[in-house]
Every structure is written in C-alpha cells, then in structure tokens.
C-alpha cells in the first residue's frame, strides 16, 4: 500500500482496520460473558460467533479487494511495459 493508491480506500483506512477496528471487534466479542452470548441470539436470531465470523468475512473481503487492486496495477504496468518494448524494439522490416 505504501507504493500505490487504491481506489476507494486509503492507507489510513487500512491502518485503522488493522490497528483499531479488528482488535476492537475481537475484544468486544471476547468481553461478552459466555453465559450471556445467547442474548445476542435472542435479539438478532444469530449467534455471537456467527456475527463475529460475518464481520471478519466482511473485513477479509475488503482486504481481498485491496490486494486485487494492487495486483491489477502491477499487471497493468507489466502489460504497458511489454507493449512499449514490443513497439520500440520490434523489427518492422519484413526482410530482416
């Protein structure tokens, strides 16, 4: 991330995800007394662990999207460089 901009997501967003949002999410789950986790199920129809996993999946999806965007930038740069080399150095003389 230090080398590229990612559409719709900044380095600050990634830092916050890693340093604040993820730890806060996990800590909030851990802090629920096990005997009271069933209250979440009664209120939402889903267990606390299911909701935690769903939230982690959402974060993972965003990370995967960022990695895809970074990889696409590298793929585009490689394609552009090989196209340039082909145009610059390819022999256009059919008799060469």
PDB file of N, CA and C in Angstrom:
ATOM      1  N   UNK A   1       0.817  -1.198   0.000  1.00  0.00           N
ATOM      2  CA  UNK A   1       0.000   0.000   0.000  1.00  0.00           C
ATOM      3  C   UNK A   1       0.852   1.250   0.000  1.00  0.00           C
ATOM      4  N   UNK A   2       2.052   1.176   0.527  1.00  0.00           N
ATOM      5  CA  UNK A   2       2.902   2.366   0.594  1.00  0.00           C
ATOM      6  C   UNK A   2       3.245   2.876  -0.803  1.00  0.00           C
ATOM      7  N   UNK A   3       3.217   1.994  -1.790  1.00  0.00           N
ATOM      8  CA  UNK A   3       3.649   2.393  -3.124  1.00  0.00           C
ATOM      9  C   UNK A   3       2.517   2.780  -4.062  1.00  0.00           C
ATOM     10  N   UNK A   4       1.286   2.436  -3.726  1.00  0.00           N
ATOM     11  CA  UNK A   4       0.176   2.667  -4.649  1.00  0.00           C
ATOM     12  C   UNK A   4      -1.047   3.227  -3.936  1.00  0.00           C
ATOM     13  N   UNK A   5      -1.823   3.983  -4.690  1.00  0.00           N
ATOM     14  CA  UNK A   5      -3.129   4.425  -4.224  1.00  0.00           C
ATOM     15  C   UNK A   5      -4.150   3.365  -4.600  1.00  0.00           C
ATOM     16  N   UNK A   6      -5.109   3.145  -3.740  1.00  0.00           N
ATOM     17  CA  UNK A   6      -6.156   2.177  -4.010  1.00  0.00           C
ATOM     18  C   UNK A   6      -7.473   2.922  -4.110  1.00  0.00           C
ATOM     19  N   UNK A   7      -8.187   2.757  -5.222  1.00  0.00           N
ATOM     20  CA  UNK A   7      -9.461   3.460  -5.361  1.00  0.00           C
ATOM     21  C   UNK A   7     -10.420   3.122  -4.226  1.00  0.00           C
ATOM     22  N   UNK A   8     -10.955   4.143  -3.592  1.00  0.00           N
ATOM     23  CA  UNK A   8     -11.960   3.958  -2.559  1.00  0.00           C
ATOM     24  C   UNK A   8     -11.437   3.546  -1.198  1.00  0.00           C
ATOM     25  N   UNK A   9     -10.114   3.487  -1.041  1.00  0.00           N
ATOM     26  CA  UNK A   9      -9.554   3.056   0.238  1.00  0.00           C
ATOM     27  C   UNK A   9      -8.188   3.693   0.388  1.00  0.00           C
ATOM     28  N   UNK A  10      -7.896   4.213   1.554  1.00  0.00           N
ATOM     29  CA  UNK A  10      -6.620   4.883   1.773  1.00  0.00           C
ATOM     30  C   UNK A  10      -5.743   4.093   2.736  1.00  0.00           C
ATOM     31  N   UNK A  11      -4.517   4.501   2.831  1.00  0.00           N
ATOM     32  CA  UNK A  11      -3.585   3.881   3.776  1.00  0.00           C
ATOM     33  C   UNK A  11      -4.110   4.040   5.204  1.00  0.00           C
ATOM     34  N   UNK A  12      -4.717   5.175   5.494  1.00  0.00           N
ATOM     35  CA  UNK A  12      -5.301   5.418   6.824  1.00  0.00           C
ATOM     36  C   UNK A  12      -6.395   4.404   7.107  1.00  0.00           C
ATOM     37  N   UNK A  13      -7.227   4.115   6.112  1.00  0.00           N
ATOM     38  CA  UNK A  13      -8.291   3.119   6.278  1.00  0.00           C
ATOM     39  C   UNK A  13      -7.714   1.747   6.623  1.00  0.00           C
ATOM     40  N   UNK A  14      -6.652   1.363   5.937  1.00  0.00           N
ATOM     41  CA  UNK A  14      -6.028   0.069   6.192  1.00  0.00           C
ATOM     42  C   UNK A  14      -5.415   0.036   7.586  1.00  0.00           C
ATOM     43  N   UNK A  15      -4.745   1.126   7.960  1.00  0.00           N
ATOM     44  CA  UNK A  15      -4.166   1.207   9.308  1.00  0.00           C
ATOM     45  C   UNK A  15      -5.248   1.114  10.370  1.00  0.00           C
ATOM     46  N   UNK A  16      -6.361   1.796  10.165  1.00  0.00           N
ATOM     47  CA  UNK A  16      -7.464   1.743  11.133  1.00  0.00           C
ATOM     48  C   UNK A  16      -8.062   0.341  11.213  1.00  0.00           C
ATOM     49  N   UNK A  17      -8.207  -0.308  10.072  1.00  0.00           N
ATOM     50  CA  UNK A  17      -8.739  -1.666  10.071  1.00  0.00           C
ATOM     51  C   UNK A  17      -7.845  -2.567  10.923  1.00  0.00           C
ATOM     52  N   UNK A  18      -6.543  -2.487  10.695  1.00  0.00           N
ATOM     53  CA  UNK A  18      -5.585  -3.355  11.377  1.00  0.00           C
ATOM     54  C   UNK A  18      -5.393  -2.993  12.843  1.00  0.00           C
ATOM     55  N   UNK A  19      -5.282  -1.716  13.132  1.00  0.00           N
ATOM     56  CA  UNK A  19      -4.898  -1.282  14.472  1.00  0.00           C
ATOM     57  C   UNK A  19      -6.073  -0.976  15.397  1.00  0.00           C
ATOM     58  N   UNK A  20      -7.234  -0.670  14.825  1.00  0.00           N
ATOM     59  CA  UNK A  20      -8.373  -0.291  15.650  1.00  0.00           C
ATOM     60  C   UNK A  20      -9.578  -1.214  15.470  1.00  0.00           C
ATOM     61  N   UNK A  21     -10.090  -1.274  14.257  1.00  0.00           N
ATOM     62  CA  UNK A  21     -11.360  -1.955  14.034  1.00  0.00           C
ATOM     63  C   UNK A  21     -11.293  -3.454  14.314  1.00  0.00           C
ATOM     64  N   UNK A  22     -10.280  -4.127  13.798  1.00  0.00           N
ATOM     65  CA  UNK A  22     -10.172  -5.572  14.027  1.00  0.00           C
ATOM     66  C   UNK A  22      -9.959  -5.896  15.508  1.00  0.00           C
ATOM     67  N   UNK A  23      -8.990  -5.268  16.169  1.00  0.00           N
ATOM     68  CA  UNK A  23      -8.827  -5.574  17.598  1.00  0.00           C
ATOM     69  C   UNK A  23     -10.058  -5.231  18.435  1.00  0.00           C
ATOM     70  N   UNK A  24     -10.707  -4.117  18.111  1.00  0.00           N
ATOM     71  CA  UNK A  24     -11.893  -3.711  18.869  1.00  0.00           C
ATOM     72  C   UNK A  24     -13.030  -4.719  18.668  1.00  0.00           C
ATOM     73  N   UNK A  25     -13.199  -5.194  17.450  1.00  0.00           N
ATOM     74  CA  UNK A  25     -14.231  -6.192  17.171  1.00  0.00           C
ATOM     75  C   UNK A  25     -13.977  -7.474  17.972  1.00  0.00           C
ATOM     76  N   UNK A  26     -12.761  -7.974  17.901  1.00  0.00           N
ATOM     77  CA  UNK A  26     -12.430  -9.222  18.598  1.00  0.00           C
ATOM     78  C   UNK A  26     -12.556  -9.050  20.105  1.00  0.00           C
ATOM     79  N   UNK A  27     -12.063  -7.934  20.619  1.00  0.00           N
ATOM     80  CA  UNK A  27     -12.153  -7.685  22.061  1.00  0.00           C
ATOM     81  C   UNK A  27     -13.607  -7.594  22.513  1.00  0.00           C
ATOM     82  N   UNK A  28     -14.447  -6.934  21.730  1.00  0.00           N
ATOM     83  CA  UNK A  28     -15.860  -6.819  22.116  1.00  0.00           C
ATOM     84  C   UNK A  28     -16.533  -8.187  22.155  1.00  0.00           C
ATOM     85  N   UNK A  29     -16.120  -9.093  21.279  1.00  0.00           N
ATOM     86  CA  UNK A  29     -16.659 -10.453  21.307  1.00  0.00           C
ATOM     87  C   UNK A  29     -16.152 -11.197  22.544  1.00  0.00           C
ATOM     88  N   UNK A  30     -14.857 -11.112  22.784  1.00  0.00           N
ATOM     89  CA  UNK A  30     -14.246 -11.810  23.924  1.00  0.00           C
ATOM     90  C   UNK A  30     -14.822 -11.316  25.249  1.00  0.00           C
ATOM     91  N   UNK A  31     -15.123 -10.033  25.314  1.00  0.00           N
ATOM     92  CA  UNK A  31     -15.624  -9.443  26.559  1.00  0.00           C
ATOM     93  C   UNK A  31     -17.047  -9.871  26.921  1.00  0.00           C
ATOM     94  N   UNK A  32     -17.780 -10.431  25.980  1.00  0.00           N
ATOM     95  CA  UNK A  32     -19.141 -10.891  26.296  1.00  0.00           C
ATOM     96  C   UNK A  32     -19.019 -12.138  27.163  1.00  0.00           C
ATOM     97  N   UNK A  33     -19.577 -12.102  28.356  1.00  0.00           N
ATOM     98  CA  UNK A  33     -19.543 -13.319  29.179  1.00  0.00           C
ATOM     99  C   UNK A  33     -20.239 -14.462  28.443  1.00  0.00           C
ATOM    100  N   UNK A  34     -19.599 -15.621  28.368  1.00  0.00           N
ATOM    101  CA  UNK A  34     -20.183 -16.741  27.618  1.00  0.00           C
ATOM    102  C   UNK A  34     -21.631 -17.047  28.012  1.00  0.00           C
ATOM    103  N   UNK A  35     -21.947 -16.884  29.273  1.00  0.00           N
ATOM    104  CA  UNK A  35     -23.317 -17.170  29.732  1.00  0.00           C
ATOM    105  C   UNK A  35     -24.336 -16.190  29.147  1.00  0.00           C
ATOM    106  N   UNK A  36     -23.876 -15.062  28.635  1.00  0.00           N
ATOM    107  CA  UNK A  36     -24.790 -14.031  28.125  1.00  0.00           C
ATOM    108  C   UNK A  36     -24.781 -13.921  26.603  1.00  0.00           C
ATOM    109  N   UNK A  37     -23.974 -14.719  25.942  1.00  0.00           N
ATOM    110  CA  UNK A  37     -23.924 -14.662  24.472  1.00  0.00           C
ATOM    111  C   UNK A  37     -25.251 -15.050  23.841  1.00  0.00           C
ATOM    112  N   UNK A  38     -26.015 -15.854  24.527  1.00  0.00           N
ATOM    113  CA  UNK A  38     -27.313 -16.263  23.978  1.00  0.00           C
ATOM    114  C   UNK A  38     -28.262 -15.076  23.837  1.00  0.00           C
ATOM    115  N   UNK A  39     -28.026 -14.007  24.585  1.00  0.00           N
ATOM    116  CA  UNK A  39     -28.867 -12.807  24.462  1.00  0.00           C
ATOM    117  C   UNK A  39     -28.759 -12.206  23.062  1.00  0.00           C
ATOM    118  N   UNK A  40     -27.585 -12.301  22.494  1.00  0.00           N
ATOM    119  CA  UNK A  40     -27.400 -11.799  21.130  1.00  0.00           C
ATOM    120  C   UNK A  40     -28.254 -12.622  20.165  1.00  0.00           C
ATOM    121  N   UNK A  41     -28.287 -13.927  20.359  1.00  0.00           N
ATOM    122  CA  UNK A  41     -29.107 -14.787  19.509  1.00  0.00           C
ATOM    123  C   UNK A  41     -30.587 -14.431  19.648  1.00  0.00           C
ATOM    124  N   UNK A  42     -31.021 -14.198  20.875  1.00  0.00           N
ATOM    125  CA  UNK A  42     -32.431 -13.842  21.082  1.00  0.00           C
ATOM    126  C   UNK A  42     -32.782 -12.519  20.395  1.00  0.00           C
ATOM    127  N   UNK A  43     -31.842 -11.585  20.376  1.00  0.00           N
ATOM    128  CA  UNK A  43     -32.123 -10.278  19.775  1.00  0.00           C
ATOM    129  C   UNK A  43     -31.989 -10.281  18.252  1.00  0.00           C
ATOM    130  N   UNK A  44     -31.036 -11.040  17.741  1.00  0.00           N
ATOM    131  CA  UNK A  44     -30.756 -10.959  16.309  1.00  0.00           C
ATOM    132  C   UNK A  44     -31.123 -12.211  15.524  1.00  0.00           C
ATOM    133  N   UNK A  45     -31.317 -13.313  16.228  1.00  0.00           N
ATOM    134  CA  UNK A  45     -31.570 -14.574  15.535  1.00  0.00           C
ATOM    135  C   UNK A  45     -30.293 -15.247  15.056  1.00  0.00           C
ATOM    136  N   UNK A  46     -29.160 -14.661  15.408  1.00  0.00           N
ATOM    137  CA  UNK A  46     -27.858 -15.219  15.025  1.00  0.00           C
ATOM    138  C   UNK A  46     -26.967 -15.255  16.253  1.00  0.00           C
ATOM    139  N   UNK A  47     -26.116 -16.266  16.306  1.00  0.00           N
ATOM    140  CA  UNK A  47     -25.217 -16.374  17.453  1.00  0.00           C
ATOM    141  C   UNK A  47     -24.126 -15.308  17.375  1.00  0.00           C
ATOM    142  N   UNK A  48     -23.521 -15.026  18.514  1.00  0.00           N
ATOM    143  CA  UNK A  48     -22.436 -14.047  18.567  1.00  0.00           C
ATOM    144  C   UNK A  48     -21.275 -14.500  17.689  1.00  0.00           C
ATOM    145  N   UNK A  49     -20.973 -15.789  17.713  1.00  0.00           N
ATOM    146  CA  UNK A  49     -19.865 -16.277  16.896  1.00  0.00           C
ATOM    147  C   UNK A  49     -20.177 -16.158  15.404  1.00  0.00           C
ATOM    148  N   UNK A  50     -21.443 -16.376  15.029  1.00  0.00           N
ATOM    149  CA  UNK A  50     -21.832 -16.199  13.629  1.00  0.00           C
ATOM    150  C   UNK A  50     -21.649 -14.738  13.208  1.00  0.00           C
ATOM    151  N   UNK A  51     -22.093 -13.828  14.040  1.00  0.00           N
ATOM    152  CA  UNK A  51     -21.968 -12.394  13.727  1.00  0.00           C
ATOM    153  C   UNK A  51     -20.504 -11.981  13.671  1.00  0.00           C
ATOM    154  N   UNK A  52     -19.688 -12.514  14.592  1.00  0.00           N
ATOM    155  CA  UNK A  52     -18.249 -12.234  14.560  1.00  0.00           C
ATOM    156  C   UNK A  52     -17.655 -12.727  13.242  1.00  0.00           C
ATOM    157  N   UNK A  53     -17.943 -13.967  12.873  1.00  0.00           N
ATOM    158  CA  UNK A  53     -17.409 -14.513  11.616  1.00  0.00           C
ATOM    159  C   UNK A  53     -17.881 -13.722  10.409  1.00  0.00           C
ATOM    160  N   UNK A  54     -19.125 -13.300  10.412  1.00  0.00           N
ATOM    161  CA  UNK A  54     -19.650 -12.489   9.319  1.00  0.00           C
ATOM    162  C   UNK A  54     -18.890 -11.165   9.216  1.00  0.00           C
ATOM    163  N   UNK A  55     -18.630 -10.545  10.340  1.00  0.00           N
ATOM    164  CA  UNK A  55     -17.876  -9.282  10.358  1.00  0.00           C
ATOM    165  C   UNK A  55     -16.447  -9.502   9.881  1.00  0.00           C
ATOM    166  N   UNK A  56     -15.824 -10.586  10.316  1.00  0.00           N
ATOM    167  CA  UNK A  56     -14.467 -10.905   9.863  1.00  0.00           C
ATOM    168  C   UNK A  56     -14.451 -11.184   8.365  1.00  0.00           C
ATOM    169  N   UNK A  57     -15.480 -11.852   7.866  1.00  0.00           N
ATOM    170  CA  UNK A  57     -15.586 -12.098   6.421  1.00  0.00           C
ATOM    171  C   UNK A  57     -15.690 -10.795   5.638  1.00  0.00           C
ATOM    172  N   UNK A  58     -16.426  -9.825   6.170  1.00  0.00           N
ATOM    173  CA  UNK A  58     -16.542  -8.522   5.512  1.00  0.00           C
ATOM    174  C   UNK A  58     -15.180  -7.831   5.445  1.00  0.00           C
ATOM    175  N   UNK A  59     -14.433  -7.908   6.534  1.00  0.00           N
ATOM    176  CA  UNK A  59     -13.095  -7.314   6.539  1.00  0.00           C
ATOM    177  C   UNK A  59     -12.185  -8.042   5.545  1.00  0.00           C
ATOM    178  N   UNK A  60     -12.268  -9.364   5.531  1.00  0.00           N
ATOM    179  CA  UNK A  60     -11.443 -10.143   4.600  1.00  0.00           C
ATOM    180  C   UNK A  60     -11.788  -9.814   3.158  1.00  0.00           C
ATOM    181  N   UNK A  61     -13.073  -9.626   2.885  1.00  0.00           N
ATOM    182  CA  UNK A  61     -13.494  -9.253   1.530  1.00  0.00           C
ATOM    183  C   UNK A  61     -12.854  -7.930   1.115  1.00  0.00           C
ATOM    184  N   UNK A  62     -12.820  -6.966   2.016  1.00  0.00           N
ATOM    185  CA  UNK A  62     -12.215  -5.670   1.701  1.00  0.00           C
ATOM    186  C   UNK A  62     -10.710  -5.823   1.470  1.00  0.00           C
ATOM    187  N   UNK A  63     -10.053  -6.640   2.294  1.00  0.00           N
ATOM    188  CA  UNK A  63      -8.617  -6.880   2.116  1.00  0.00           C
ATOM    189  C   UNK A  63      -8.354  -7.551   0.769  1.00  0.00           C
ATOM    190  N   UNK A  64      -9.168  -8.533   0.423  1.00  0.00           N
ATOM    191  CA  UNK A  64      -9.021  -9.209  -0.874  1.00  0.00           C
ATOM    192  C   UNK A  64      -9.199  -8.223  -2.025  1.00  0.00           C
ATOM    193  N   UNK A  65     -10.145  -7.322  -1.887  1.00  0.00           N
ATOM    194  CA  UNK A  65     -10.378  -6.305  -2.916  1.00  0.00           C
ATOM    195  C   UNK A  65      -9.160  -5.393  -3.058  1.00  0.00           C
ATOM    196  N   UNK A  66      -8.585  -4.982  -1.946  1.00  0.00           N
ATOM    197  CA  UNK A  66      -7.384  -4.146  -1.971  1.00  0.00           C
ATOM    198  C   UNK A  66      -6.241  -4.891  -2.661  1.00  0.00           C
ATOM    199  N   UNK A  67      -6.044  -6.147  -2.302  1.00  0.00           N
ATOM    200  CA  UNK A  67      -4.971  -6.938  -2.904  1.00  0.00           C
ATOM    201  C   UNK A  67      -5.190  -7.126  -4.400  1.00  0.00           C
ATOM    202  N   UNK A  68      -6.444  -7.324  -4.804  1.00  0.00           N
ATOM    203  CA  UNK A  68      -6.756  -7.431  -6.228  1.00  0.00           C
ATOM    204  C   UNK A  68      -6.407  -6.140  -6.957  1.00  0.00           C
ATOM    205  N   UNK A  69      -6.760  -5.012  -6.360  1.00  0.00           N
ATOM    206  CA  UNK A  69      -6.465  -3.720  -6.990  1.00  0.00           C
ATOM    207  C   UNK A  69      -4.967  -3.491  -7.105  1.00  0.00           C
ATOM    208  N   UNK A  70      -4.220  -3.855  -6.069  1.00  0.00           N
ATOM    209  CA  UNK A  70      -2.763  -3.717  -6.129  1.00  0.00           C
ATOM    210  C   UNK A  70      -2.186  -4.626  -7.217  1.00  0.00           C
ATOM    211  N   UNK A  71      -2.646  -5.855  -7.262  1.00  0.00           N
ATOM    212  CA  UNK A  71      -2.155  -6.788  -8.274  1.00  0.00           C
ATOM    213  C   UNK A  71      -2.508  -6.297  -9.671  1.00  0.00           C
ATOM    214  N   UNK A  72      -3.708  -5.772  -9.841  1.00  0.00           N
ATOM    215  CA  UNK A  72      -4.116  -5.280 -11.155  1.00  0.00           C
ATOM    216  C   UNK A  72      -3.215  -4.140 -11.602  1.00  0.00           C
ATOM    217  N   UNK A  73      -2.833  -3.280 -10.684  1.00  0.00           N
ATOM    218  CA  UNK A  73      -1.918  -2.192 -11.025  1.00  0.00           C
ATOM    219  C   UNK A  73      -0.600  -2.758 -11.540  1.00  0.00           C
ATOM    220  N   UNK A  74      -0.078  -3.771 -10.871  1.00  0.00           N
ATOM    221  CA  UNK A  74       1.180  -4.390 -11.300  1.00  0.00           C
ATOM    222  C   UNK A  74       1.014  -5.089 -12.648  1.00  0.00           C
ATOM    223  N   UNK A  75      -0.111  -5.760 -12.853  1.00  0.00           N
ATOM    224  CA  UNK A  75      -0.369  -6.414 -14.137  1.00  0.00           C
ATOM    225  C   UNK A  75      -0.454  -5.388 -15.262  1.00  0.00           C
ATOM    226  N   UNK A  76      -1.130  -4.280 -14.987  1.00  0.00           N
ATOM    227  CA  UNK A  76      -1.250  -3.224 -15.990  1.00  0.00           C
ATOM    228  C   UNK A  76       0.111  -2.617 -16.319  1.00  0.00           C
ATOM    229  N   UNK A  77       0.928  -2.397 -15.306  1.00  0.00           N
ATOM    230  CA  UNK A  77       2.262  -1.834 -15.529  1.00  0.00           C
ATOM    231  C   UNK A  77       3.110  -2.782 -16.374  1.00  0.00           C
ATOM    232  N   UNK A  78       3.054  -4.079 -16.079  1.00  0.00           N
ATOM    233  CA  UNK A  78       3.801  -5.059 -16.865  1.00  0.00           C
ATOM    234  C   UNK A  78       3.324  -5.083 -18.304  1.00  0.00           C
ATOM    235  N   UNK A  79       2.013  -5.099 -18.510  1.00  0.00           N
ATOM    236  CA  UNK A  79       1.452  -5.102 -19.861  1.00  0.00           C
ATOM    237  C   UNK A  79       1.880  -3.868 -20.638  1.00  0.00           C
ATOM    238  N   UNK A  80       1.824  -2.713 -19.987  1.00  0.00           N
ATOM    239  CA  UNK A  80       2.235  -1.473 -20.648  1.00  0.00           C
ATOM    240  C   UNK A  80       3.718  -1.494 -21.002  1.00  0.00           C
ATOM    241  N   UNK A  81       4.537  -2.017 -20.092  1.00  0.00           N
ATOM    242  CA  UNK A  81       5.976  -2.081 -20.363  1.00  0.00           C
ATOM    243  C   UNK A  81       6.294  -3.040 -21.502  1.00  0.00           C
ATOM    244  N   UNK A  82       5.650  -4.190 -21.538  1.00  0.00           N
ATOM    245  CA  UNK A  82       5.920  -5.129 -22.629  1.00  0.00           C
ATOM    246  C   UNK A  82       5.389  -4.591 -23.960  1.00  0.00           C
ATOM    247  N   UNK A  83       4.281  -3.880 -23.923  1.00  0.00           N
ATOM    248  CA  UNK A  83       3.761  -3.255 -25.147  1.00  0.00           C
ATOM    249  C   UNK A  83       4.753  -2.213 -25.666  1.00  0.00           C
ATOM    250  N   UNK A  84       5.283  -1.403 -24.772  1.00  0.00           N
ATOM    251  CA  UNK A  84       6.266  -0.392 -25.162  1.00  0.00           C
ATOM    252  C   UNK A  84       7.493  -1.055 -25.790  1.00  0.00           C
ATOM    253  N   UNK A  85       8.014  -2.097 -25.151  1.00  0.00           N
ATOM    254  CA  UNK A  85       9.196  -2.782 -25.679  1.00  0.00           C
ATOM    255  C   UNK A  85       8.892  -3.352 -27.058  1.00  0.00           C
ATOM    256  N   UNK A  86       7.733  -3.951 -27.200  1.00  0.00           N
ATOM    257  CA  UNK A  86       7.344  -4.500 -28.495  1.00  0.00           C
ATOM    258  C   UNK A  86       7.274  -3.441 -29.577  1.00  0.00           C
ATOM    259  N   UNK A  87       6.705  -2.283 -29.243  1.00  0.00           N
ATOM    260  CA  UNK A  87       6.594  -1.203 -30.224  1.00  0.00           C
ATOM    261  C   UNK A  87       7.943  -0.565 -30.509  1.00  0.00           C
ATOM    262  N   UNK A  88       8.749  -0.457 -29.510  1.00  0.00           N
ATOM    263  CA  UNK A  88      10.031   0.244 -29.627  1.00  0.00           C
ATOM    264  C   UNK A  88      11.097  -0.599 -30.330  1.00  0.00           C
ATOM    265  N   UNK A  89      11.148  -1.869 -30.021  1.00  0.00           N
ATOM    266  CA  UNK A  89      12.264  -2.681 -30.474  1.00  0.00           C
ATOM    267  C   UNK A  89      11.905  -3.775 -31.474  1.00  0.00           C
ATOM    268  N   UNK A  90      10.648  -3.965 -31.737  1.00  0.00           N
ATOM    269  CA  UNK A  90      10.271  -4.996 -32.723  1.00  0.00           C
ATOM    270  C   UNK A  90      10.681  -4.550 -34.098  1.00  0.00           C
ATOM    271  N   UNK A  91      11.153  -5.482 -34.860  1.00  0.00           N
ATOM    272  CA  UNK A  91      11.558  -5.186 -36.220  1.00  0.00           C
ATOM    273  C   UNK A  91      10.302  -5.095 -37.086  1.00  0.00           C
ATOM    274  N   UNK A  92      10.154  -3.981 -37.758  1.00  0.00           N
ATOM    275  CA  UNK A  92       9.019  -3.800 -38.657  1.00  0.00           C
ATOM    276  C   UNK A  92       9.405  -4.121 -40.101  1.00  0.00           C
ATOM    277  N   UNK A  93      10.657  -4.470 -40.328  1.00  0.00           N
ATOM    278  CA  UNK A  93      11.153  -4.789 -41.660  1.00  0.00           C
ATOM    279  C   UNK A  93      10.854  -6.251 -41.954  1.00  0.00           C
ATOM    280  N   UNK A  94       9.999  -6.540 -42.926  1.00  0.00           N
ATOM    281  CA  UNK A  94       9.640  -7.939 -43.201  1.00  0.00           C
ATOM    282  C   UNK A  94      10.818  -8.747 -43.754  1.00  0.00           C
ATOM    283  N   UNK A  95      11.890  -8.070 -44.202  1.00  0.00           N
ATOM    284  CA  UNK A  95      13.048  -8.772 -44.767  1.00  0.00           C
ATOM    285  C   UNK A  95      14.178  -8.932 -43.772  1.00  0.00           C
ATOM    286  N   UNK A  96      13.982  -8.478 -42.531  1.00  0.00           N
ATOM    287  CA  UNK A  96      15.061  -8.547 -41.537  1.00  0.00           C
ATOM    288  C   UNK A  96      15.219  -9.924 -40.978  1.00  0.00           C
TER     289      UNK A  96
END
